[in-house]
Amino acid sequence: MKPMKTCQHAGLLIAGLAMPMSAQAAGAGLPQLDISTWPSQLFWLVVLFTAGYTLMAKFVTPRIGSVLEERRAKLDEDLGKARSASEDAARIRAEYEADLDAARTAAAETAKQAAAEAAKQAEASDAKIAKKLAEKVAKAEAKLATARSEAMANLNNVAAEAAMAAVAQLANIQTTAAQAGKTADKLATQMAKQESN
């Protein structure tokens, strides 16, 4: 019982002391503006500021700095990968364009060679055709010359016979076939000379 009574007495004592202080504080105004409490306020301000600064400087700021450093490193790494990918893409594009140009050049060269080969084959074919045509023309001309000479020979014979018949009828002169042939040949030669002139 004694300890309990002692606690009760202490509680009453504290309450009795607190009542006049609160009455005094109520009359004085705001406690932070009371000059008598400034030293303790300044002390606790310095203690709390130092504790907060130490907490920030030792724990919070390094963690923020490490997070920022990790982010910066990750960003630099990603930028490096992006640059590398861009360089690879540019290199691949340049190789692709070079291969495309080479393919175009090769295709143009192949087309040129094919055209040249086709032209050679066409020339060879034209030469063969021209040779065949020349041979046919030569044969035709030879046949024509033979037919012409035969026709001329027959024409001379017919002319000689017609001349013999005309002379026999008109002048009542009989001539031989040899004389009529000679005369016809002479006339044909003269006519050929006149045509050539």
N, C-alpha and C. Protein backbone atom coordinates (compact mmCIF):
# COMPACT_ATOMS: atom_id res chain seq x y z
N MET A 1 0.82 -1.19 0.00
CA MET A 1 0.00 0.00 0.00
C MET A 1 0.85 1.24 0.00
N LYS A 2 1.96 1.19 0.65
CA LYS A 2 2.80 2.37 0.74
C LYS A 2 3.31 2.81 -0.62
N PRO A 3 3.80 1.89 -1.48
CA PRO A 3 4.26 2.36 -2.77
C PRO A 3 3.15 3.00 -3.55
N MET A 4 1.94 2.50 -3.45
CA MET A 4 0.84 3.06 -4.19
C MET A 4 0.52 4.45 -3.69
N LYS A 5 0.56 4.66 -2.43
CA LYS A 5 0.29 5.97 -1.85
C LYS A 5 1.38 6.93 -2.27
N THR A 6 2.59 6.48 -2.31
CA THR A 6 3.71 7.32 -2.70
C THR A 6 3.50 7.78 -4.14
N CYS A 7 3.07 6.87 -5.02
CA CYS A 7 2.82 7.24 -6.42
C CYS A 7 1.69 8.24 -6.51
N GLN A 8 0.67 8.07 -5.68
CA GLN A 8 -0.44 9.00 -5.71
C GLN A 8 -0.01 10.38 -5.25
N HIS A 9 0.82 10.41 -4.19
CA HIS A 9 1.31 11.69 -3.70
C HIS A 9 2.17 12.37 -4.75
N ALA A 10 3.00 11.61 -5.46
CA ALA A 10 3.87 12.19 -6.48
C ALA A 10 3.02 12.75 -7.61
N GLY A 11 1.95 12.02 -7.97
CA GLY A 11 1.08 12.49 -9.04
C GLY A 11 0.38 13.78 -8.66
N LEU A 12 -0.08 13.87 -7.41
CA LEU A 12 -0.74 15.09 -6.96
C LEU A 12 0.25 16.25 -6.92
N LEU A 13 1.44 15.94 -6.51
CA LEU A 13 2.46 16.98 -6.44
C LEU A 13 2.76 17.55 -7.82
N ILE A 14 2.90 16.68 -8.78
CA ILE A 14 3.19 17.12 -10.15
C ILE A 14 2.02 17.91 -10.69
N ALA A 15 0.80 17.42 -10.41
CA ALA A 15 -0.38 18.13 -10.89
C ALA A 15 -0.50 19.49 -10.24
N GLY A 16 -0.14 19.58 -8.95
CA GLY A 16 -0.21 20.86 -8.27
C GLY A 16 0.81 21.83 -8.80
N LEU A 17 1.98 21.33 -9.15
CA LEU A 17 2.99 22.21 -9.72
C LEU A 17 2.62 22.63 -11.14
N ALA A 18 1.99 21.71 -11.88
CA ALA A 18 1.66 21.99 -13.27
C ALA A 18 0.55 23.01 -13.38
N MET A 19 -0.36 23.06 -12.43
CA MET A 19 -1.48 23.98 -12.51
C MET A 19 -1.05 25.42 -12.44
N PRO A 20 -0.20 25.80 -11.51
CA PRO A 20 0.21 27.19 -11.52
C PRO A 20 1.01 27.52 -12.77
N MET A 21 1.82 26.57 -13.29
CA MET A 21 2.62 26.85 -14.49
C MET A 21 1.70 27.06 -15.69
N SER A 22 0.68 26.20 -15.77
CA SER A 22 -0.23 26.35 -16.90
C SER A 22 -1.02 27.62 -16.78
N ALA A 23 -1.35 27.99 -15.56
CA ALA A 23 -2.06 29.26 -15.38
C ALA A 23 -1.16 30.40 -15.76
N GLN A 24 0.12 30.30 -15.38
CA GLN A 24 1.06 31.35 -15.71
C GLN A 24 1.28 31.40 -17.22
N ALA A 25 1.37 30.21 -17.88
CA ALA A 25 1.59 30.14 -19.33
C ALA A 25 0.39 30.67 -20.07
N ALA A 26 -0.78 30.40 -19.54
CA ALA A 26 -1.98 30.88 -20.20
C ALA A 26 -2.03 32.39 -20.20
N GLY A 27 -1.49 33.00 -19.19
CA GLY A 27 -1.49 34.45 -19.14
C GLY A 27 -0.37 35.06 -19.96
N ALA A 28 0.75 34.32 -20.17
CA ALA A 28 1.92 34.89 -20.81
C ALA A 28 1.83 34.86 -22.32
N GLY A 29 1.10 33.94 -22.97
CA GLY A 29 1.00 33.83 -24.43
C GLY A 29 1.70 32.59 -24.94
N LEU A 30 2.22 32.66 -26.14
CA LEU A 30 2.86 31.51 -26.77
C LEU A 30 4.17 31.17 -26.05
N PRO A 31 4.39 29.85 -25.76
CA PRO A 31 5.60 29.49 -25.01
C PRO A 31 6.88 29.68 -25.82
N GLN A 32 6.82 29.53 -27.12
CA GLN A 32 8.04 29.69 -27.91
C GLN A 32 8.51 31.13 -27.99
N LEU A 33 7.63 32.05 -27.61
CA LEU A 33 8.02 33.45 -27.61
C LEU A 33 8.50 33.91 -26.22
N ASP A 34 8.46 32.99 -25.26
CA ASP A 34 8.93 33.31 -23.92
C ASP A 34 10.45 33.23 -23.92
N ILE A 35 11.12 34.32 -23.61
CA ILE A 35 12.59 34.41 -23.67
C ILE A 35 13.24 33.44 -22.70
N SER A 36 12.59 33.11 -21.63
CA SER A 36 13.19 32.22 -20.64
C SER A 36 13.33 30.80 -21.19
N THR A 37 12.54 30.40 -22.22
CA THR A 37 12.63 29.05 -22.78
C THR A 37 13.53 28.98 -24.01
N TRP A 38 14.07 30.08 -24.42
CA TRP A 38 14.89 30.07 -25.65
C TRP A 38 16.15 29.24 -25.54
N PRO A 39 16.87 29.30 -24.46
CA PRO A 39 18.09 28.47 -24.42
C PRO A 39 17.79 26.99 -24.61
N SER A 40 16.73 26.48 -23.94
CA SER A 40 16.42 25.06 -24.12
C SER A 40 15.94 24.80 -25.55
N GLN A 41 15.18 25.74 -26.10
CA GLN A 41 14.73 25.57 -27.49
C GLN A 41 15.92 25.55 -28.44
N LEU A 42 16.88 26.43 -28.22
CA LEU A 42 18.07 26.47 -29.07
C LEU A 42 18.88 25.18 -28.91
N PHE A 43 18.99 24.70 -27.68
CA PHE A 43 19.72 23.46 -27.43
C PHE A 43 19.09 22.31 -28.21
N TRP A 44 17.75 22.16 -28.05
CA TRP A 44 17.08 21.06 -28.75
C TRP A 44 17.10 21.26 -30.28
N LEU A 45 17.08 22.50 -30.71
CA LEU A 45 17.19 22.78 -32.15
C LEU A 45 18.53 22.29 -32.69
N VAL A 46 19.61 22.60 -31.95
CA VAL A 46 20.95 22.17 -32.38
C VAL A 46 21.05 20.65 -32.34
N VAL A 47 20.51 20.03 -31.29
CA VAL A 47 20.58 18.57 -31.16
C VAL A 47 19.81 17.90 -32.30
N LEU A 48 18.57 18.36 -32.53
CA LEU A 48 17.76 17.75 -33.58
C LEU A 48 18.33 18.02 -34.98
N PHE A 49 18.83 19.23 -35.20
CA PHE A 49 19.42 19.56 -36.49
C PHE A 49 20.66 18.69 -36.75
N THR A 50 21.51 18.55 -35.70
CA THR A 50 22.71 17.73 -35.84
C THR A 50 22.33 16.28 -36.11
N ALA A 51 21.32 15.77 -35.35
CA ALA A 51 20.89 14.38 -35.56
C ALA A 51 20.32 14.21 -36.97
N GLY A 52 19.48 15.16 -37.42
CA GLY A 52 18.91 15.08 -38.76
C GLY A 52 19.97 15.18 -39.85
N TYR A 53 20.94 16.09 -39.63
CA TYR A 53 22.02 16.25 -40.62
C TYR A 53 22.85 14.98 -40.69
N THR A 54 23.17 14.42 -39.50
CA THR A 54 23.97 13.19 -39.46
C THR A 54 23.21 12.06 -40.14
N LEU A 55 21.93 11.94 -39.83
CA LEU A 55 21.11 10.89 -40.45
C LEU A 55 21.09 11.06 -41.97
N MET A 56 20.89 12.29 -42.44
CA MET A 56 20.86 12.55 -43.88
C MET A 56 22.23 12.31 -44.52
N ALA A 57 23.29 12.81 -43.86
CA ALA A 57 24.64 12.72 -44.44
C ALA A 57 25.16 11.28 -44.45
N LYS A 58 24.85 10.50 -43.41
CA LYS A 58 25.43 9.16 -43.30
C LYS A 58 24.58 8.08 -43.96
N PHE A 59 23.27 8.26 -43.99
CA PHE A 59 22.42 7.17 -44.46
C PHE A 59 21.60 7.52 -45.71
N VAL A 60 20.86 8.60 -45.65
CA VAL A 60 19.90 8.90 -46.73
C VAL A 60 20.61 9.37 -48.00
N THR A 61 21.48 10.38 -47.86
CA THR A 61 22.15 10.95 -49.03
C THR A 61 23.02 9.92 -49.77
N PRO A 62 23.82 9.08 -49.05
CA PRO A 62 24.59 8.07 -49.79
C PRO A 62 23.71 7.10 -50.57
N ARG A 63 22.56 6.73 -49.97
CA ARG A 63 21.66 5.82 -50.70
C ARG A 63 21.10 6.50 -51.95
N ILE A 64 20.70 7.76 -51.80
CA ILE A 64 20.19 8.49 -52.97
C ILE A 64 21.29 8.63 -54.01
N GLY A 65 22.52 8.95 -53.54
CA GLY A 65 23.65 9.07 -54.48
C GLY A 65 23.94 7.76 -55.19
N SER A 66 23.89 6.64 -54.44
CA SER A 66 24.16 5.35 -55.09
C SER A 66 23.07 5.01 -56.10
N VAL A 67 21.81 5.33 -55.75
CA VAL A 67 20.72 5.09 -56.70
C VAL A 67 20.91 5.95 -57.96
N LEU A 68 21.26 7.23 -57.74
CA LEU A 68 21.50 8.11 -58.89
C LEU A 68 22.68 7.63 -59.73
N GLU A 69 23.73 7.15 -59.04
CA GLU A 69 24.91 6.65 -59.75
C GLU A 69 24.57 5.39 -60.55
N GLU A 70 23.77 4.50 -59.94
CA GLU A 70 23.33 3.30 -60.66
C GLU A 70 22.50 3.68 -61.88
N ARG A 71 21.61 4.65 -61.69
CA ARG A 71 20.79 5.09 -62.82
C ARG A 71 21.64 5.70 -63.92
N ARG A 72 22.63 6.52 -63.52
CA ARG A 72 23.52 7.13 -64.51
C ARG A 72 24.31 6.06 -65.25
N ALA A 73 24.83 5.08 -64.48
CA ALA A 73 25.59 4.00 -65.11
C ALA A 73 24.70 3.20 -66.06
N LYS A 74 23.48 2.89 -65.62
CA LYS A 74 22.54 2.15 -66.47
C LYS A 74 22.21 2.95 -67.73
N LEU A 75 21.99 4.26 -67.54
CA LEU A 75 21.69 5.13 -68.68
C LEU A 75 22.88 5.18 -69.65
N ASP A 76 24.10 5.32 -69.10
CA ASP A 76 25.29 5.33 -69.95
C ASP A 76 25.44 4.01 -70.70
N GLU A 77 25.17 2.90 -69.99
CA GLU A 77 25.27 1.59 -70.62
C GLU A 77 24.23 1.45 -71.74
N ASP A 78 22.99 1.90 -71.45
CA ASP A 78 21.95 1.83 -72.47
C ASP A 78 22.29 2.72 -73.67
N LEU A 79 22.83 3.92 -73.38
CA LEU A 79 23.23 4.81 -74.48
C LEU A 79 24.36 4.19 -75.30
N GLY A 80 25.31 3.54 -74.59
CA GLY A 80 26.39 2.86 -75.31
C GLY A 80 25.86 1.73 -76.20
N LYS A 81 24.90 0.96 -75.64
CA LYS A 81 24.30 -0.11 -76.45
C LYS A 81 23.55 0.46 -77.65
N ALA A 82 22.85 1.58 -77.40
CA ALA A 82 22.11 2.21 -78.50
C ALA A 82 23.07 2.71 -79.58
N ARG A 83 24.18 3.35 -79.16
CA ARG A 83 25.18 3.81 -80.14
C ARG A 83 25.76 2.62 -80.92
N SER A 84 26.08 1.55 -80.17
CA SER A 84 26.64 0.37 -80.82
C SER A 84 25.64 -0.22 -81.81
N ALA A 85 24.37 -0.30 -81.40
CA ALA A 85 23.34 -0.82 -82.30
C ALA A 85 23.17 0.08 -83.51
N SER A 86 23.24 1.40 -83.30
CA SER A 86 23.14 2.33 -84.42
C SER A 86 24.31 2.18 -85.37
N GLU A 87 25.52 2.02 -84.82
CA GLU A 87 26.70 1.81 -85.67
C GLU A 87 26.59 0.50 -86.44
N ASP A 88 26.11 -0.56 -85.74
CA ASP A 88 25.93 -1.84 -86.42
C ASP A 88 24.90 -1.73 -87.54
N ALA A 89 23.81 -1.01 -87.25
CA ALA A 89 22.77 -0.83 -88.28
C ALA A 89 23.33 -0.06 -89.47
N ALA A 90 24.12 0.99 -89.19
CA ALA A 90 24.71 1.77 -90.28
C ALA A 90 25.69 0.91 -91.09
N ARG A 91 26.48 0.08 -90.38
CA ARG A 91 27.43 -0.80 -91.07
C ARG A 91 26.69 -1.83 -91.93
N ILE A 92 25.64 -2.42 -91.36
CA ILE A 92 24.86 -3.42 -92.10
C ILE A 92 24.20 -2.77 -93.31
N ARG A 93 23.69 -1.54 -93.11
CA ARG A 93 23.05 -0.84 -94.25
C ARG A 93 24.08 -0.56 -95.34
N ALA A 94 25.30 -0.11 -94.92
CA ALA A 94 26.34 0.17 -95.91
C ALA A 94 26.72 -1.12 -96.66
N GLU A 95 26.86 -2.23 -95.92
CA GLU A 95 27.18 -3.50 -96.56
C GLU A 95 26.07 -3.92 -97.52
N TYR A 96 24.83 -3.73 -97.08
CA TYR A 96 23.68 -4.08 -97.93
C TYR A 96 23.69 -3.25 -99.21
N GLU A 97 23.92 -1.94 -99.06
CA GLU A 97 23.95 -1.07 -100.25
C GLU A 97 25.11 -1.44 -101.16
N ALA A 98 26.27 -1.79 -100.56
CA ALA A 98 27.42 -2.19 -101.37
C ALA A 98 27.11 -3.49 -102.12
N ASP A 99 26.49 -4.46 -101.41
CA ASP A 99 26.11 -5.71 -102.07
C ASP A 99 25.09 -5.46 -103.17
N LEU A 100 24.15 -4.55 -102.89
CA LEU A 100 23.13 -4.22 -103.90
C LEU A 100 23.77 -3.58 -105.12
N ASP A 101 24.72 -2.65 -104.89
CA ASP A 101 25.42 -2.04 -106.02
C ASP A 101 26.21 -3.07 -106.82
N ALA A 102 26.87 -3.99 -106.07
CA ALA A 102 27.64 -5.04 -106.74
C ALA A 102 26.72 -5.94 -107.57
N ALA A 103 25.55 -6.25 -106.99
CA ALA A 103 24.59 -7.09 -107.72
C ALA A 103 24.08 -6.37 -108.97
N ARG A 104 23.82 -5.06 -108.82
CA ARG A 104 23.36 -4.28 -109.99
C ARG A 104 24.44 -4.26 -111.07
N THR A 105 25.70 -4.03 -110.63
CA THR A 105 26.80 -4.00 -111.59
C THR A 105 26.95 -5.35 -112.28
N ALA A 106 26.87 -6.43 -111.47
CA ALA A 106 27.00 -7.78 -112.05
C ALA A 106 25.85 -8.06 -113.01
N ALA A 107 24.63 -7.63 -112.64
CA ALA A 107 23.48 -7.84 -113.52
C ALA A 107 23.65 -7.05 -114.82
N ALA A 108 24.13 -5.81 -114.70
CA ALA A 108 24.35 -5.00 -115.91
C ALA A 108 25.43 -5.63 -116.79
N GLU A 109 26.50 -6.14 -116.15
CA GLU A 109 27.57 -6.78 -116.91
C GLU A 109 27.05 -8.05 -117.60
N THR A 110 26.25 -8.82 -116.86
CA THR A 110 25.67 -10.04 -117.44
C THR A 110 24.76 -9.70 -118.61
N ALA A 111 23.93 -8.66 -118.41
CA ALA A 111 23.03 -8.23 -119.49
C ALA A 111 23.84 -7.76 -120.70
N LYS A 112 24.94 -7.02 -120.44
CA LYS A 112 25.78 -6.54 -121.54
C LYS A 112 26.41 -7.73 -122.29
N GLN A 113 26.91 -8.71 -121.50
CA GLN A 113 27.51 -9.88 -122.14
C GLN A 113 26.47 -10.67 -122.94
N ALA A 114 25.26 -10.80 -122.35
CA ALA A 114 24.20 -11.52 -123.06
C ALA A 114 23.83 -10.79 -124.35
N ALA A 115 23.77 -9.45 -124.28
CA ALA A 115 23.45 -8.67 -125.48
C ALA A 115 24.55 -8.83 -126.53
N ALA A 116 25.82 -8.80 -126.07
CA ALA A 116 26.93 -8.96 -127.01
C ALA A 116 26.90 -10.35 -127.64
N GLU A 117 26.62 -11.37 -126.79
CA GLU A 117 26.55 -12.74 -127.31
C GLU A 117 25.40 -12.88 -128.30
N ALA A 118 24.25 -12.27 -127.96
CA ALA A 118 23.11 -12.31 -128.88
C ALA A 118 23.44 -11.60 -130.19
N ALA A 119 24.16 -10.46 -130.08
CA ALA A 119 24.54 -9.73 -131.30
C ALA A 119 25.49 -10.57 -132.15
N LYS A 120 26.45 -11.27 -131.48
CA LYS A 120 27.38 -12.13 -132.23
C LYS A 120 26.62 -13.25 -132.92
N GLN A 121 25.69 -13.87 -132.15
CA GLN A 121 24.91 -14.95 -132.75
C GLN A 121 24.06 -14.43 -133.90
N ALA A 122 23.48 -13.24 -133.71
CA ALA A 122 22.67 -12.65 -134.79
C ALA A 122 23.53 -12.36 -136.01
N GLU A 123 24.75 -11.82 -135.76
CA GLU A 123 25.65 -11.54 -136.89
C GLU A 123 26.04 -12.83 -137.60
N ALA A 124 26.35 -13.87 -136.81
CA ALA A 124 26.72 -15.15 -137.42
C ALA A 124 25.54 -15.71 -138.21
N SER A 125 24.36 -15.63 -137.60
CA SER A 125 23.16 -16.11 -138.30
C SER A 125 22.91 -15.29 -139.57
N ASP A 126 23.06 -13.95 -139.44
CA ASP A 126 22.89 -13.09 -140.63
C ASP A 126 23.92 -13.43 -141.70
N ALA A 127 25.16 -13.71 -141.27
CA ALA A 127 26.20 -14.05 -142.25
C ALA A 127 25.86 -15.36 -142.95
N LYS A 128 25.37 -16.35 -142.15
CA LYS A 128 24.99 -17.62 -142.78
C LYS A 128 23.85 -17.41 -143.76
N ILE A 129 22.85 -16.65 -143.32
CA ILE A 129 21.70 -16.40 -144.20
C ILE A 129 22.14 -15.64 -145.45
N ALA A 130 23.01 -14.61 -145.24
CA ALA A 130 23.50 -13.85 -146.40
C ALA A 130 24.29 -14.74 -147.35
N LYS A 131 25.09 -15.66 -146.78
CA LYS A 131 25.87 -16.57 -147.62
C LYS A 131 24.95 -17.48 -148.43
N LYS A 132 23.93 -18.04 -147.71
CA LYS A 132 22.98 -18.90 -148.41
C LYS A 132 22.24 -18.14 -149.51
N LEU A 133 21.81 -16.90 -149.14
CA LEU A 133 21.11 -16.09 -150.14
C LEU A 133 22.02 -15.78 -151.33
N ALA A 134 23.30 -15.46 -151.03
CA ALA A 134 24.24 -15.16 -152.12
C ALA A 134 24.43 -16.38 -153.01
N GLU A 135 24.51 -17.57 -152.37
CA GLU A 135 24.66 -18.79 -153.17
C GLU A 135 23.42 -19.01 -154.04
N LYS A 136 22.23 -18.81 -153.41
CA LYS A 136 20.99 -18.99 -154.18
C LYS A 136 20.90 -17.98 -155.32
N VAL A 137 21.29 -16.72 -155.00
CA VAL A 137 21.24 -15.69 -156.04
C VAL A 137 22.22 -16.02 -157.15
N ALA A 138 23.43 -16.49 -156.76
CA ALA A 138 24.43 -16.85 -157.78
C ALA A 138 23.91 -17.99 -158.65
N LYS A 139 23.28 -19.01 -157.99
CA LYS A 139 22.73 -20.12 -158.77
C LYS A 139 21.62 -19.63 -159.70
N ALA A 140 20.77 -18.74 -159.12
CA ALA A 140 19.66 -18.22 -159.93
C ALA A 140 20.19 -17.40 -161.10
N GLU A 141 21.23 -16.60 -160.83
CA GLU A 141 21.81 -15.79 -161.90
C GLU A 141 22.44 -16.69 -162.97
N ALA A 142 23.11 -17.77 -162.49
CA ALA A 142 23.72 -18.70 -163.45
C ALA A 142 22.64 -19.36 -164.31
N LYS A 143 21.55 -19.79 -163.63
CA LYS A 143 20.45 -20.39 -164.38
C LYS A 143 19.85 -19.38 -165.35
N LEU A 144 19.70 -18.14 -164.85
CA LEU A 144 19.14 -17.09 -165.70
C LEU A 144 20.04 -16.81 -166.89
N ALA A 145 21.35 -16.78 -166.63
CA ALA A 145 22.30 -16.55 -167.74
C ALA A 145 22.24 -17.69 -168.74
N THR A 146 22.15 -18.93 -168.21
CA THR A 146 22.06 -20.09 -169.10
C THR A 146 20.77 -20.03 -169.91
N ALA A 147 19.66 -19.72 -169.19
CA ALA A 147 18.38 -19.63 -169.89
C ALA A 147 18.39 -18.51 -170.90
N ARG A 148 19.07 -17.42 -170.57
CA ARG A 148 19.14 -16.28 -171.48
C ARG A 148 19.94 -16.64 -172.73
N SER A 149 21.10 -17.29 -172.46
CA SER A 149 21.92 -17.66 -173.62
C SER A 149 21.19 -18.67 -174.50
N GLU A 150 20.47 -19.61 -173.82
CA GLU A 150 19.70 -20.56 -174.60
C GLU A 150 18.59 -19.86 -175.38
N ALA A 151 17.94 -18.90 -174.68
CA ALA A 151 16.87 -18.16 -175.34
C ALA A 151 17.43 -17.35 -176.50
N MET A 152 18.61 -16.75 -176.27
CA MET A 152 19.21 -15.97 -177.34
C MET A 152 19.60 -16.87 -178.51
N ALA A 153 20.12 -18.07 -178.18
CA ALA A 153 20.49 -19.00 -179.26
C ALA A 153 19.24 -19.41 -180.02
N ASN A 154 18.20 -19.74 -179.27
CA ASN A 154 16.94 -20.11 -179.93
C ASN A 154 16.37 -18.93 -180.71
N LEU A 155 16.51 -17.73 -180.11
CA LEU A 155 16.01 -16.53 -180.78
C LEU A 155 16.76 -16.31 -182.09
N ASN A 156 18.11 -16.52 -182.03
CA ASN A 156 18.89 -16.38 -183.26
C ASN A 156 18.44 -17.40 -184.32
N ASN A 157 18.21 -18.64 -183.86
CA ASN A 157 17.76 -19.67 -184.82
C ASN A 157 16.39 -19.31 -185.40
N VAL A 158 15.48 -18.87 -184.51
CA VAL A 158 14.14 -18.50 -184.97
C VAL A 158 14.23 -17.31 -185.92
N ALA A 159 15.11 -16.32 -185.55
CA ALA A 159 15.27 -15.14 -186.40
C ALA A 159 15.87 -15.54 -187.75
N ALA A 160 16.82 -16.46 -187.70
CA ALA A 160 17.44 -16.91 -188.96
C ALA A 160 16.41 -17.60 -189.84
N GLU A 161 15.60 -18.46 -189.22
CA GLU A 161 14.57 -19.16 -190.01
C GLU A 161 13.54 -18.18 -190.56
N ALA A 162 13.16 -17.19 -189.68
CA ALA A 162 12.18 -16.20 -190.14
C ALA A 162 12.77 -15.36 -191.27
N ALA A 163 14.05 -15.01 -191.14
CA ALA A 163 14.70 -14.22 -192.19
C ALA A 163 14.79 -15.02 -193.48
N MET A 164 15.11 -16.31 -193.39
CA MET A 164 15.18 -17.15 -194.59
C MET A 164 13.82 -17.22 -195.28
N ALA A 165 12.79 -17.40 -194.46
CA ALA A 165 11.45 -17.50 -195.04
C ALA A 165 11.05 -16.17 -195.67
N ALA A 166 11.39 -15.04 -195.01
CA ALA A 166 11.01 -13.74 -195.54
C ALA A 166 11.77 -13.45 -196.83
N VAL A 167 13.07 -13.73 -196.86
CA VAL A 167 13.89 -13.48 -198.05
C VAL A 167 13.38 -14.36 -199.20
N ALA A 168 13.07 -15.60 -198.88
CA ALA A 168 12.59 -16.52 -199.92
C ALA A 168 11.27 -16.04 -200.48
N GLN A 169 10.42 -15.51 -199.67
CA GLN A 169 9.12 -15.09 -200.13
C GLN A 169 9.20 -13.74 -200.81
N LEU A 170 9.94 -12.82 -200.24
CA LEU A 170 9.97 -11.47 -200.79
C LEU A 170 10.87 -11.39 -202.02
N ALA A 171 12.07 -11.91 -201.87
CA ALA A 171 13.03 -11.73 -202.97
C ALA A 171 13.16 -12.99 -203.81
N ASN A 172 12.56 -13.99 -203.42
CA ASN A 172 12.60 -15.26 -204.11
C ASN A 172 14.04 -15.75 -204.21
N ILE A 173 14.79 -15.55 -203.08
CA ILE A 173 16.19 -16.00 -203.04
C ILE A 173 16.25 -17.09 -201.96
N GLN A 174 16.92 -18.15 -202.32
CA GLN A 174 17.07 -19.25 -201.37
C GLN A 174 18.41 -19.10 -200.66
N THR A 175 18.39 -19.11 -199.32
CA THR A 175 19.63 -19.03 -198.54
C THR A 175 19.75 -20.29 -197.69
N THR A 176 20.97 -20.51 -197.25
CA THR A 176 21.19 -21.69 -196.40
C THR A 176 21.02 -21.30 -194.94
N ALA A 177 20.87 -22.31 -194.13
CA ALA A 177 20.69 -22.08 -192.68
C ALA A 177 21.96 -21.50 -192.08
N ALA A 178 23.12 -21.88 -192.61
CA ALA A 178 24.39 -21.36 -192.08
C ALA A 178 24.52 -19.88 -192.37
N GLN A 179 24.15 -19.43 -193.57
CA GLN A 179 24.23 -18.01 -193.89
C GLN A 179 23.25 -17.20 -193.03
N ALA A 180 22.06 -17.72 -192.89
CA ALA A 180 21.06 -17.03 -192.07
C ALA A 180 21.52 -16.96 -190.62
N GLY A 181 22.15 -18.02 -190.09
CA GLY A 181 22.66 -18.04 -188.70
C GLY A 181 23.76 -17.02 -188.50
N LYS A 182 24.68 -16.92 -189.51
CA LYS A 182 25.78 -15.95 -189.41
C LYS A 182 25.23 -14.54 -189.35
N THR A 183 24.31 -14.25 -190.21
CA THR A 183 23.71 -12.91 -190.26
C THR A 183 23.01 -12.60 -188.94
N ALA A 184 22.28 -13.56 -188.41
CA ALA A 184 21.56 -13.35 -187.14
C ALA A 184 22.55 -13.13 -185.99
N ASP A 185 23.66 -13.90 -185.96
CA ASP A 185 24.68 -13.72 -184.91
C ASP A 185 25.30 -12.34 -184.99
N LYS A 186 25.60 -11.88 -186.21
CA LYS A 186 26.19 -10.56 -186.41
C LYS A 186 25.27 -9.48 -185.87
N LEU A 187 23.99 -9.60 -186.23
CA LEU A 187 23.01 -8.59 -185.76
C LEU A 187 22.87 -8.62 -184.24
N ALA A 188 22.88 -9.82 -183.65
CA ALA A 188 22.76 -9.94 -182.18
C ALA A 188 23.96 -9.31 -181.49
N THR A 189 25.16 -9.50 -182.05
CA THR A 189 26.37 -8.92 -181.47
C THR A 189 26.31 -7.40 -181.53
N GLN A 190 25.88 -6.87 -182.68
CA GLN A 190 25.75 -5.40 -182.82
C GLN A 190 24.73 -4.85 -181.84
N MET A 191 23.62 -5.54 -181.67
CA MET A 191 22.58 -5.07 -180.74
C MET A 191 23.10 -5.12 -179.30
N ALA A 192 23.87 -6.14 -178.93
CA ALA A 192 24.41 -6.25 -177.58
C ALA A 192 25.39 -5.11 -177.30
N LYS A 193 26.20 -4.73 -178.32
CA LYS A 193 27.15 -3.60 -178.17
C LYS A 193 26.39 -2.31 -177.98
N GLN A 194 25.33 -2.14 -178.74
CA GLN A 194 24.54 -0.89 -178.62
C GLN A 194 23.86 -0.81 -177.24
N GLU A 195 23.38 -1.95 -176.73
CA GLU A 195 22.73 -1.94 -175.40
C GLU A 195 23.75 -1.63 -174.30
N SER A 196 24.97 -2.15 -174.45
CA SER A 196 25.99 -1.90 -173.42
C SER A 196 26.45 -0.45 -173.42
N ASN A 197 26.44 0.20 -174.61
CA ASN A 197 26.83 1.60 -174.68
C ASN A 197 25.71 2.45 -174.14
